[in-house]
Protein backbone atom coordinates (compact mmCIF):
# COMPACT_ATOMS: atom_id res chain seq x y z
CA VAL A 1 19.34 22.93 -18.72
CA VAL A 2 16.21 23.03 -16.59
CA ASP A 3 13.37 20.84 -17.85
CA LEU A 4 10.32 23.10 -17.41
CA LEU A 5 7.88 20.20 -17.72
CA HIS A 6 9.29 18.36 -14.72
CA GLU A 7 10.31 21.48 -12.81
CA PHE A 8 6.85 23.07 -12.86
CA GLU A 9 4.24 20.39 -13.60
CA LEU A 10 5.68 17.85 -11.19
CA GLY A 11 6.78 20.40 -8.62
CA VAL A 12 4.81 23.58 -8.11
CA TRP A 13 1.66 22.60 -10.03
CA LYS A 14 1.36 19.21 -8.32
CA ALA A 15 1.65 20.84 -4.88
CA VAL A 16 -0.97 23.47 -5.78
CA PHE A 17 -3.32 20.84 -7.19
CA ILE A 18 -2.99 18.63 -4.10
CA HIS A 19 -3.73 21.65 -1.91
CA LEU A 20 -6.84 22.37 -4.02
CA LEU A 21 -7.97 18.76 -3.60
CA ARG A 22 -7.52 19.00 0.17
CA MET A 23 -9.54 22.23 0.30
CA LEU A 24 -12.36 20.69 -1.75
CA ASP A 25 -12.31 17.59 0.44
CA SER A 26 -12.70 19.71 3.58
CA LEU A 27 -15.91 21.28 2.26
CA LYS A 28 -19.29 19.65 2.68
CA GLY A 29 -20.83 18.05 -0.36
CA ASP A 30 -19.29 16.20 -3.23
CA GLN A 31 -16.94 18.81 -4.67
CA LEU A 32 -14.28 16.21 -5.53
CA THR A 33 -16.84 14.24 -7.53
CA GLU A 34 -17.82 17.43 -9.35
CA LEU A 35 -14.18 18.23 -10.11
CA ASP A 36 -13.71 14.71 -11.52
CA ARG A 37 -16.89 15.08 -13.60
CA ARG A 38 -15.74 18.41 -15.03
CA TYR A 39 -12.31 17.07 -16.00
CA ARG A 40 -13.95 14.04 -17.67
CA SER A 41 -16.19 16.39 -19.69
CA VAL A 42 -13.18 18.18 -21.24
CA PRO A 43 -12.77 16.93 -24.82
CA THR A 44 -9.41 15.80 -26.11
CA PHE A 45 -7.54 18.27 -28.28
CA GLY A 46 -5.00 17.52 -30.95
CA HIS A 47 -2.78 14.48 -31.16
CA SER A 48 -0.68 15.23 -28.09
CA THR A 49 -2.10 18.43 -26.58
CA ILE A 50 -4.83 17.36 -24.17
CA HIS A 51 -5.36 13.65 -23.54
CA GLN A 52 -8.53 12.10 -22.14
CA PHE A 53 -8.62 12.35 -18.35
CA CYS A 54 -8.97 9.30 -16.16
CA LYS A 55 -12.23 8.63 -14.31
CA ASN A 56 -11.02 9.94 -10.94
CA VAL A 57 -8.48 12.71 -11.39
CA SER A 58 -8.73 13.51 -7.68
CA GLU A 59 -7.18 10.15 -6.74
CA LEU A 60 -3.90 11.08 -8.50
CA LYS A 61 -3.23 7.46 -9.42
CA TRP A 62 -0.97 6.56 -12.34
CA MET A 63 -0.34 10.19 -13.32
CA ALA A 64 2.69 11.12 -15.39
CA ALA A 65 4.09 14.59 -16.04
CA HIS A 66 1.98 14.99 -19.20
CA ASP A 67 -1.16 14.29 -17.13
CA PHE A 68 -0.34 17.15 -14.78
CA GLU A 69 0.40 19.33 -17.80
CA ASP A 70 -3.06 18.51 -19.19
CA LEU A 71 -4.68 19.39 -15.85
CA LEU A 72 -2.94 22.74 -15.93
CA GLN A 73 -4.06 23.52 -19.48
């Protein structure tokens, strides 16, 4: 049985998100800082639906599959 969480969030979505971060980094200005600020401003939802995001989402440090799932939502 294919585990959709690990198949998509850790595979395709992670690759797409890293590509987005690279594109934002190539632009002038502080787009990565703005992306981090916007993710931090998203409120938590439910007990296990959307968790609070870390301070610097763009660094991709200490991220588990559920963190990538939250980024996608």
